[in-house]
Amino acid sequence: MTEPTEQEIRAFFESKVPEGWFEEIEIWVARDEIQAIGRIPDITDAPGGSPRVARANRIAEWREETRSERMGIAREAEIGFGRKVSWGARCGDEGRLFAHLNVPVMTRLRARERAVLDTLVDAGVARSRSDALAWCARLVADKQKEWIEELRSAFSEVEKVRAAGPVV
């Protein structure tokens, strides 16, 4: 059995997500998780309150309104693609990712690398070495976004060439 492509996974979600749920949907595919994050219509009027709170409430309402259908789509995708599915929503500047994986990763670091993590912990930037390492990964992903995308694209092309190659 071949590994599903990102395009196949995106096509699955685009075909399953009901019309009107989202203005747009972003599908992010990782080795062990698929995140489906949709943009819902923004709150244009927040009577008697802040737009931020109104948007957060709208996301919470949408989450409850769509729960059973989302779980059905997630079950089907998890069986078909062998990965957990996490949902999220964005409304204006507010966003929320619902139940998602938080996977431990084992790594070996030398003293200088550990010292960087310890500095982040000591400075209060992170609560633990684990949080500090996650912070570093987010920083690289943010600051080197174009390079990371280029790397993913190149890897995707390698996978296509591999799949088209001879079967031994």
N, C-alpha and C. Protein backbone atom coordinates (compact mmCIF):
# COMPACT_ATOMS: atom_id res chain seq x y z
N MET A 1 0.85 -1.19 0.00
CA MET A 1 0.00 0.00 0.00
C MET A 1 0.89 1.25 0.00
N THR A 2 0.58 2.18 -0.88
CA THR A 2 1.38 3.39 -0.97
C THR A 2 0.88 4.45 0.00
N GLU A 3 1.79 5.29 0.40
CA GLU A 3 1.49 6.40 1.31
C GLU A 3 0.63 7.44 0.57
N PRO A 4 -0.43 7.95 1.19
CA PRO A 4 -1.25 8.95 0.51
C PRO A 4 -0.46 10.25 0.32
N THR A 5 -0.70 10.92 -0.78
CA THR A 5 -0.03 12.20 -1.02
C THR A 5 -0.78 13.31 -0.31
N GLU A 6 -0.11 14.43 -0.14
CA GLU A 6 -0.78 15.59 0.46
C GLU A 6 -1.97 16.02 -0.39
N GLN A 7 -1.83 15.92 -1.71
CA GLN A 7 -2.92 16.30 -2.60
C GLN A 7 -4.14 15.40 -2.39
N GLU A 8 -3.91 14.10 -2.19
CA GLU A 8 -5.02 13.17 -1.94
C GLU A 8 -5.71 13.49 -0.62
N ILE A 9 -4.91 13.81 0.38
CA ILE A 9 -5.49 14.15 1.69
C ILE A 9 -6.28 15.45 1.59
N ARG A 10 -5.73 16.44 0.92
CA ARG A 10 -6.45 17.72 0.74
C ARG A 10 -7.76 17.50 -0.02
N ALA A 11 -7.69 16.70 -1.09
CA ALA A 11 -8.89 16.42 -1.89
C ALA A 11 -9.96 15.73 -1.06
N PHE A 12 -9.54 14.80 -0.18
CA PHE A 12 -10.49 14.13 0.69
C PHE A 12 -11.23 15.15 1.54
N PHE A 13 -10.50 16.03 2.22
CA PHE A 13 -11.14 17.01 3.11
C PHE A 13 -12.00 17.99 2.32
N GLU A 14 -11.54 18.42 1.16
CA GLU A 14 -12.33 19.35 0.36
C GLU A 14 -13.64 18.71 -0.09
N SER A 15 -13.63 17.39 -0.30
CA SER A 15 -14.85 16.71 -0.73
C SER A 15 -15.79 16.42 0.45
N LYS A 16 -15.25 16.30 1.65
CA LYS A 16 -16.05 15.91 2.82
C LYS A 16 -16.57 17.09 3.64
N VAL A 17 -15.85 18.19 3.65
CA VAL A 17 -16.26 19.34 4.46
C VAL A 17 -17.51 19.97 3.84
N PRO A 18 -18.58 20.09 4.63
CA PRO A 18 -19.83 20.65 4.09
C PRO A 18 -19.67 22.09 3.59
N GLU A 19 -20.41 22.38 2.55
CA GLU A 19 -20.47 23.73 1.99
C GLU A 19 -20.92 24.71 3.07
N GLY A 20 -20.23 25.83 3.18
CA GLY A 20 -20.62 26.86 4.13
C GLY A 20 -19.92 26.78 5.48
N TRP A 21 -19.20 25.70 5.74
CA TRP A 21 -18.47 25.62 7.01
C TRP A 21 -17.38 26.67 7.08
N PHE A 22 -16.62 26.79 6.00
CA PHE A 22 -15.45 27.65 5.99
C PHE A 22 -15.44 28.57 4.78
N GLU A 23 -14.81 29.72 4.94
CA GLU A 23 -14.51 30.57 3.80
C GLU A 23 -13.32 29.99 3.04
N GLU A 24 -12.41 29.39 3.79
CA GLU A 24 -11.26 28.67 3.22
C GLU A 24 -10.78 27.66 4.26
N ILE A 25 -10.08 26.63 3.79
CA ILE A 25 -9.57 25.62 4.70
C ILE A 25 -8.10 25.38 4.40
N GLU A 26 -7.33 25.24 5.46
CA GLU A 26 -5.91 24.93 5.36
C GLU A 26 -5.72 23.51 5.89
N ILE A 27 -5.11 22.66 5.08
CA ILE A 27 -4.82 21.29 5.49
C ILE A 27 -3.31 21.18 5.65
N TRP A 28 -2.90 20.81 6.85
CA TRP A 28 -1.47 20.65 7.13
C TRP A 28 -1.24 19.18 7.45
N VAL A 29 -0.32 18.56 6.72
CA VAL A 29 -0.09 17.13 6.84
C VAL A 29 1.28 16.87 7.45
N ALA A 30 1.31 16.13 8.54
CA ALA A 30 2.55 15.69 9.17
C ALA A 30 2.59 14.17 9.15
N ARG A 31 3.68 13.62 9.58
CA ARG A 31 3.87 12.17 9.56
C ARG A 31 2.81 11.44 10.37
N ASP A 32 2.38 12.05 11.50
CA ASP A 32 1.45 11.36 12.39
C ASP A 32 0.15 12.12 12.65
N GLU A 33 -0.04 13.25 11.99
CA GLU A 33 -1.22 14.06 12.24
C GLU A 33 -1.60 14.87 11.01
N ILE A 34 -2.91 15.06 10.85
CA ILE A 34 -3.44 15.96 9.83
C ILE A 34 -4.20 17.05 10.56
N GLN A 35 -3.89 18.30 10.25
CA GLN A 35 -4.63 19.41 10.85
C GLN A 35 -5.48 20.07 9.77
N ALA A 36 -6.76 20.18 10.06
CA ALA A 36 -7.71 20.86 9.17
C ALA A 36 -8.18 22.12 9.90
N ILE A 37 -7.72 23.27 9.41
CA ILE A 37 -8.02 24.54 10.07
C ILE A 37 -8.77 25.43 9.08
N GLY A 38 -9.99 25.79 9.45
CA GLY A 38 -10.82 26.56 8.55
C GLY A 38 -11.06 27.97 9.05
N ARG A 39 -11.22 28.87 8.09
CA ARG A 39 -11.56 30.25 8.42
C ARG A 39 -13.08 30.39 8.35
N ILE A 40 -13.67 30.78 9.49
CA ILE A 40 -15.12 31.00 9.53
C ILE A 40 -15.37 32.49 9.39
N PRO A 41 -16.57 32.87 8.99
CA PRO A 41 -16.85 34.30 8.79
C PRO A 41 -16.54 35.12 10.04
N ASP A 42 -15.92 36.26 9.80
CA ASP A 42 -15.53 37.16 10.89
C ASP A 42 -16.75 37.82 11.51
N ILE A 43 -16.61 38.19 12.77
CA ILE A 43 -17.64 38.95 13.48
C ILE A 43 -17.45 40.41 13.10
N THR A 44 -18.45 40.98 12.51
CA THR A 44 -18.34 42.39 12.09
C THR A 44 -18.85 43.35 13.15
N ASP A 45 -19.65 42.83 14.07
CA ASP A 45 -20.21 43.67 15.11
C ASP A 45 -20.16 42.92 16.43
N ALA A 46 -19.54 43.54 17.43
CA ALA A 46 -19.45 42.92 18.76
C ALA A 46 -20.16 43.83 19.75
N PRO A 47 -21.50 43.78 19.76
CA PRO A 47 -22.24 44.69 20.63
C PRO A 47 -21.92 44.45 22.10
N GLY A 48 -21.56 45.52 22.81
CA GLY A 48 -21.32 45.45 24.24
C GLY A 48 -20.11 44.66 24.67
N GLY A 49 -19.23 44.32 23.76
CA GLY A 49 -18.07 43.54 24.14
C GLY A 49 -16.92 43.74 23.18
N SER A 50 -15.89 43.00 23.42
CA SER A 50 -14.71 43.14 22.58
C SER A 50 -14.81 42.20 21.38
N PRO A 51 -14.28 42.62 20.24
CA PRO A 51 -14.28 41.75 19.06
C PRO A 51 -13.51 40.45 19.31
N ARG A 52 -12.45 40.52 20.13
CA ARG A 52 -11.66 39.32 20.42
C ARG A 52 -12.51 38.27 21.14
N VAL A 53 -13.26 38.70 22.14
CA VAL A 53 -14.13 37.78 22.88
C VAL A 53 -15.24 37.26 21.97
N ALA A 54 -15.81 38.14 21.15
CA ALA A 54 -16.88 37.72 20.24
C ALA A 54 -16.37 36.67 19.25
N ARG A 55 -15.14 36.87 18.76
CA ARG A 55 -14.56 35.90 17.82
C ARG A 55 -14.30 34.56 18.51
N ALA A 56 -13.75 34.61 19.72
CA ALA A 56 -13.50 33.38 20.48
C ALA A 56 -14.81 32.63 20.74
N ASN A 57 -15.86 33.38 21.06
CA ASN A 57 -17.18 32.76 21.28
C ASN A 57 -17.72 32.15 20.00
N ARG A 58 -17.52 32.83 18.88
CA ARG A 58 -17.99 32.30 17.59
C ARG A 58 -17.28 31.00 17.24
N ILE A 59 -15.97 30.93 17.53
CA ILE A 59 -15.21 29.70 17.28
C ILE A 59 -15.76 28.58 18.17
N ALA A 60 -16.02 28.88 19.43
CA ALA A 60 -16.56 27.88 20.37
C ALA A 60 -17.93 27.39 19.91
N GLU A 61 -18.78 28.30 19.43
CA GLU A 61 -20.11 27.92 18.92
C GLU A 61 -19.96 27.01 17.70
N TRP A 62 -19.08 27.41 16.78
CA TRP A 62 -18.88 26.61 15.57
C TRP A 62 -18.38 25.22 15.94
N ARG A 63 -17.48 25.14 16.91
CA ARG A 63 -16.95 23.86 17.35
C ARG A 63 -18.07 22.94 17.83
N GLU A 64 -18.95 23.46 18.64
CA GLU A 64 -20.06 22.66 19.17
C GLU A 64 -21.05 22.28 18.07
N GLU A 65 -21.38 23.24 17.19
CA GLU A 65 -22.36 23.00 16.12
C GLU A 65 -21.91 21.91 15.16
N THR A 66 -20.60 21.77 14.96
CA THR A 66 -20.09 20.86 13.93
C THR A 66 -19.44 19.60 14.50
N ARG A 67 -19.47 19.44 15.80
CA ARG A 67 -18.71 18.37 16.46
C ARG A 67 -18.98 16.98 15.86
N SER A 68 -20.23 16.56 15.77
CA SER A 68 -20.50 15.18 15.32
C SER A 68 -20.06 14.98 13.87
N GLU A 69 -20.31 15.96 13.02
CA GLU A 69 -19.89 15.82 11.62
C GLU A 69 -18.36 15.81 11.49
N ARG A 70 -17.70 16.68 12.24
CA ARG A 70 -16.23 16.72 12.21
C ARG A 70 -15.64 15.39 12.68
N MET A 71 -16.21 14.82 13.75
CA MET A 71 -15.70 13.56 14.26
C MET A 71 -15.90 12.43 13.25
N GLY A 72 -17.01 12.46 12.53
CA GLY A 72 -17.24 11.46 11.48
C GLY A 72 -16.21 11.56 10.37
N ILE A 73 -15.94 12.77 9.92
CA ILE A 73 -14.93 12.99 8.88
C ILE A 73 -13.56 12.56 9.40
N ALA A 74 -13.26 12.91 10.66
CA ALA A 74 -11.97 12.56 11.25
C ALA A 74 -11.80 11.05 11.32
N ARG A 75 -12.83 10.33 11.76
CA ARG A 75 -12.75 8.86 11.85
C ARG A 75 -12.44 8.25 10.48
N GLU A 76 -13.16 8.72 9.48
CA GLU A 76 -12.95 8.20 8.13
C GLU A 76 -11.52 8.49 7.65
N ALA A 77 -11.03 9.70 7.91
CA ALA A 77 -9.67 10.07 7.49
C ALA A 77 -8.62 9.27 8.28
N GLU A 78 -8.85 9.08 9.57
CA GLU A 78 -7.89 8.34 10.39
C GLU A 78 -7.76 6.90 9.92
N ILE A 79 -8.87 6.29 9.55
CA ILE A 79 -8.84 4.93 9.03
C ILE A 79 -8.16 4.91 7.66
N GLY A 80 -8.53 5.85 6.80
CA GLY A 80 -8.00 5.87 5.44
C GLY A 80 -6.55 6.28 5.33
N PHE A 81 -6.10 7.19 6.20
CA PHE A 81 -4.76 7.74 6.07
C PHE A 81 -3.81 7.32 7.19
N GLY A 82 -4.33 6.65 8.23
CA GLY A 82 -3.49 6.17 9.31
C GLY A 82 -2.86 7.27 10.14
N ARG A 83 -3.55 8.41 10.24
CA ARG A 83 -3.05 9.54 11.03
C ARG A 83 -4.19 10.14 11.82
N LYS A 84 -3.87 10.71 12.96
CA LYS A 84 -4.86 11.42 13.75
C LYS A 84 -5.24 12.70 13.02
N VAL A 85 -6.48 13.14 13.22
CA VAL A 85 -6.96 14.38 12.62
C VAL A 85 -7.27 15.37 13.73
N SER A 86 -6.75 16.57 13.58
CA SER A 86 -7.04 17.67 14.51
C SER A 86 -7.74 18.77 13.73
N TRP A 87 -8.76 19.34 14.33
CA TRP A 87 -9.50 20.42 13.71
C TRP A 87 -9.17 21.74 14.39
N GLY A 88 -9.35 22.81 13.66
CA GLY A 88 -9.17 24.14 14.22
C GLY A 88 -10.00 25.13 13.43
N ALA A 89 -10.16 26.32 13.99
CA ALA A 89 -10.91 27.37 13.31
C ALA A 89 -10.26 28.71 13.56
N ARG A 90 -10.41 29.59 12.57
CA ARG A 90 -9.95 30.98 12.68
C ARG A 90 -11.14 31.88 12.39
N CYS A 91 -11.22 32.93 13.17
CA CYS A 91 -12.25 33.95 12.98
C CYS A 91 -11.55 35.29 13.17
N GLY A 92 -11.39 36.03 12.10
CA GLY A 92 -10.64 37.28 12.19
C GLY A 92 -9.22 36.97 12.62
N ASP A 93 -8.76 37.69 13.66
CA ASP A 93 -7.40 37.49 14.18
C ASP A 93 -7.31 36.36 15.20
N GLU A 94 -8.43 35.82 15.60
CA GLU A 94 -8.45 34.75 16.61
C GLU A 94 -8.41 33.38 15.94
N GLY A 95 -7.72 32.47 16.58
CA GLY A 95 -7.66 31.10 16.08
C GLY A 95 -7.57 30.12 17.23
N ARG A 96 -8.07 28.93 16.99
CA ARG A 96 -8.03 27.90 18.02
C ARG A 96 -7.86 26.55 17.34
N LEU A 97 -6.92 25.77 17.85
CA LEU A 97 -6.72 24.41 17.38
C LEU A 97 -7.31 23.51 18.45
N PHE A 98 -8.28 22.67 18.07
CA PHE A 98 -8.92 21.78 19.01
C PHE A 98 -8.01 20.57 19.24
N ALA A 99 -8.42 19.66 20.07
CA ALA A 99 -7.61 18.50 20.48
C ALA A 99 -6.60 18.09 19.42
N HIS A 100 -5.35 18.29 19.71
CA HIS A 100 -4.29 17.95 18.77
C HIS A 100 -3.20 17.16 19.48
N LEU A 101 -2.36 16.52 18.70
CA LEU A 101 -1.30 15.69 19.27
C LEU A 101 -0.18 16.55 19.84
N ASN A 102 0.35 16.09 20.93
CA ASN A 102 1.53 16.69 21.54
C ASN A 102 2.46 15.52 21.79
N VAL A 103 3.33 15.25 20.84
CA VAL A 103 4.11 14.03 20.81
C VAL A 103 5.51 14.25 21.39
N PRO A 104 5.91 13.41 22.35
CA PRO A 104 7.27 13.54 22.87
C PRO A 104 8.28 13.12 21.81
N VAL A 105 9.40 13.83 21.79
CA VAL A 105 10.46 13.54 20.83
C VAL A 105 11.76 13.41 21.61
N MET A 106 12.44 12.31 21.41
CA MET A 106 13.72 12.08 22.09
C MET A 106 14.83 12.71 21.27
N THR A 107 15.73 13.41 21.94
CA THR A 107 16.87 13.99 21.24
C THR A 107 18.08 13.95 22.16
N ARG A 108 19.23 13.94 21.56
CA ARG A 108 20.48 13.98 22.32
C ARG A 108 21.15 15.31 22.01
N LEU A 109 21.47 16.05 23.05
CA LEU A 109 22.09 17.35 22.88
C LEU A 109 23.40 17.43 23.63
N ARG A 110 24.35 18.12 23.05
CA ARG A 110 25.63 18.36 23.71
C ARG A 110 25.46 19.51 24.70
N ALA A 111 26.49 19.73 25.52
CA ALA A 111 26.43 20.72 26.59
C ALA A 111 26.07 22.12 26.08
N ARG A 112 26.65 22.56 24.99
CA ARG A 112 26.37 23.91 24.46
C ARG A 112 24.92 24.03 24.00
N GLU A 113 24.39 22.97 23.41
CA GLU A 113 22.99 22.99 22.96
C GLU A 113 22.05 23.00 24.17
N ARG A 114 22.37 22.20 25.19
CA ARG A 114 21.56 22.20 26.42
C ARG A 114 21.62 23.55 27.10
N ALA A 115 22.79 24.20 27.03
CA ALA A 115 22.95 25.52 27.65
C ALA A 115 22.01 26.55 27.01
N VAL A 116 21.78 26.43 25.71
CA VAL A 116 20.83 27.34 25.03
C VAL A 116 19.44 27.13 25.61
N LEU A 117 19.04 25.87 25.73
CA LEU A 117 17.72 25.57 26.28
C LEU A 117 17.61 26.05 27.73
N ASP A 118 18.66 25.81 28.51
CA ASP A 118 18.65 26.23 29.91
C ASP A 118 18.57 27.75 30.03
N THR A 119 19.21 28.47 29.12
CA THR A 119 19.13 29.93 29.13
C THR A 119 17.69 30.39 28.89
N LEU A 120 17.02 29.75 27.96
CA LEU A 120 15.62 30.10 27.69
C LEU A 120 14.74 29.80 28.90
N VAL A 121 15.02 28.72 29.59
CA VAL A 121 14.26 28.38 30.80
C VAL A 121 14.57 29.39 31.91
N ASP A 122 15.85 29.66 32.13
CA ASP A 122 16.26 30.60 33.19
C ASP A 122 15.71 32.00 32.94
N ALA A 123 15.58 32.38 31.67
CA ALA A 123 15.08 33.71 31.33
C ALA A 123 13.56 33.79 31.37
N GLY A 124 12.91 32.64 31.58
CA GLY A 124 11.45 32.64 31.65
C GLY A 124 10.77 32.58 30.29
N VAL A 125 11.54 32.37 29.24
CA VAL A 125 10.96 32.26 27.89
C VAL A 125 10.23 30.93 27.77
N ALA A 126 10.74 29.90 28.47
CA ALA A 126 10.15 28.56 28.41
C ALA A 126 10.10 27.99 29.83
N ARG A 127 9.14 27.08 30.05
CA ARG A 127 8.99 26.46 31.37
C ARG A 127 9.95 25.31 31.60
N SER A 128 10.39 24.68 30.51
CA SER A 128 11.23 23.49 30.62
C SER A 128 12.10 23.39 29.38
N ARG A 129 13.04 22.46 29.41
CA ARG A 129 13.86 22.23 28.22
C ARG A 129 12.98 21.80 27.05
N SER A 130 11.96 21.01 27.34
CA SER A 130 11.03 20.58 26.28
C SER A 130 10.34 21.78 25.64
N ASP A 131 9.83 22.69 26.47
CA ASP A 131 9.20 23.90 25.94
C ASP A 131 10.20 24.76 25.17
N ALA A 132 11.43 24.83 25.68
CA ALA A 132 12.46 25.62 25.01
C ALA A 132 12.78 25.05 23.63
N LEU A 133 12.85 23.72 23.54
CA LEU A 133 13.13 23.10 22.25
C LEU A 133 11.98 23.34 21.27
N ALA A 134 10.74 23.26 21.77
CA ALA A 134 9.58 23.56 20.92
C ALA A 134 9.63 25.02 20.47
N TRP A 135 10.02 25.93 21.37
CA TRP A 135 10.14 27.35 21.03
C TRP A 135 11.17 27.53 19.91
N CYS A 136 12.31 26.83 20.03
CA CYS A 136 13.35 26.91 19.00
C CYS A 136 12.83 26.40 17.64
N ALA A 137 12.09 25.30 17.66
CA ALA A 137 11.55 24.75 16.42
C ALA A 137 10.57 25.73 15.78
N ARG A 138 9.71 26.36 16.60
CA ARG A 138 8.77 27.36 16.06
C ARG A 138 9.51 28.55 15.48
N LEU A 139 10.59 28.97 16.14
CA LEU A 139 11.37 30.11 15.66
C LEU A 139 11.99 29.80 14.30
N VAL A 140 12.57 28.61 14.16
CA VAL A 140 13.14 28.22 12.87
C VAL A 140 12.05 28.15 11.81
N ALA A 141 10.91 27.55 12.16
CA ALA A 141 9.80 27.44 11.19
C ALA A 141 9.32 28.82 10.75
N ASP A 142 9.30 29.78 11.68
CA ASP A 142 8.85 31.13 11.37
C ASP A 142 9.90 31.91 10.57
N LYS A 143 11.13 31.88 11.02
CA LYS A 143 12.20 32.69 10.41
C LYS A 143 12.73 32.09 9.12
N GLN A 144 12.60 30.80 8.96
CA GLN A 144 13.12 30.12 7.76
C GLN A 144 11.99 29.47 6.96
N LYS A 145 10.82 30.11 6.99
CA LYS A 145 9.62 29.55 6.37
C LYS A 145 9.83 29.18 4.89
N GLU A 146 10.41 30.10 4.12
CA GLU A 146 10.60 29.84 2.69
C GLU A 146 11.53 28.66 2.47
N TRP A 147 12.61 28.59 3.24
CA TRP A 147 13.56 27.49 3.10
C TRP A 147 12.92 26.16 3.48
N ILE A 148 12.15 26.14 4.56
CA ILE A 148 11.47 24.91 4.99
C ILE A 148 10.48 24.47 3.91
N GLU A 149 9.72 25.40 3.34
CA GLU A 149 8.78 25.06 2.26
C GLU A 149 9.51 24.51 1.05
N GLU A 150 10.67 25.11 0.72
CA GLU A 150 11.47 24.63 -0.41
C GLU A 150 11.95 23.21 -0.14
N LEU A 151 12.35 22.95 1.09
CA LEU A 151 12.79 21.61 1.48
C LEU A 151 11.65 20.60 1.35
N ARG A 152 10.46 20.97 1.84
CA ARG A 152 9.29 20.08 1.74
C ARG A 152 8.93 19.82 0.29
N SER A 153 8.98 20.86 -0.52
CA SER A 153 8.65 20.71 -1.94
C SER A 153 9.64 19.77 -2.63
N ALA A 154 10.93 19.93 -2.32
CA ALA A 154 11.95 19.07 -2.91
C ALA A 154 11.72 17.62 -2.48
N PHE A 155 11.40 17.42 -1.21
CA PHE A 155 11.13 16.07 -0.71
C PHE A 155 9.92 15.47 -1.42
N SER A 156 8.90 16.29 -1.64
CA SER A 156 7.70 15.82 -2.33
C SER A 156 8.04 15.35 -3.74
N GLU A 157 8.91 16.08 -4.42
CA GLU A 157 9.32 15.68 -5.77
C GLU A 157 10.10 14.36 -5.73
N VAL A 158 10.96 14.18 -4.73
CA VAL A 158 11.70 12.93 -4.58
C VAL A 158 10.72 11.77 -4.39
N GLU A 159 9.68 11.98 -3.58
CA GLU A 159 8.68 10.94 -3.35
C GLU A 159 7.96 10.57 -4.65
N LYS A 160 7.65 11.56 -5.49
CA LYS A 160 6.98 11.29 -6.77
C LYS A 160 7.88 10.45 -7.68
N VAL A 161 9.16 10.81 -7.74
CA VAL A 161 10.11 10.08 -8.58
C VAL A 161 10.26 8.65 -8.06
N ARG A 162 10.36 8.50 -6.74
CA ARG A 162 10.45 7.17 -6.13
C ARG A 162 9.23 6.32 -6.48
N ALA A 163 8.06 6.91 -6.36
CA ALA A 163 6.81 6.17 -6.62
C ALA A 163 6.71 5.73 -8.08
N ALA A 164 7.26 6.53 -8.98
CA ALA A 164 7.21 6.21 -10.41
C ALA A 164 8.29 5.21 -10.82
N GLY A 165 9.23 4.94 -9.92
CA GLY A 165 10.35 4.06 -10.23
C GLY A 165 9.97 2.60 -10.27
N PRO A 166 10.93 1.76 -10.57
CA PRO A 166 10.67 0.32 -10.68
C PRO A 166 10.36 -0.29 -9.31
N VAL A 167 9.54 -1.31 -9.32
CA VAL A 167 9.20 -2.05 -8.11
C VAL A 167 10.11 -3.27 -8.06
N VAL A 168 10.84 -3.41 -6.98
CA VAL A 168 11.77 -4.55 -6.86
C VAL A 168 11.27 -5.56 -5.86
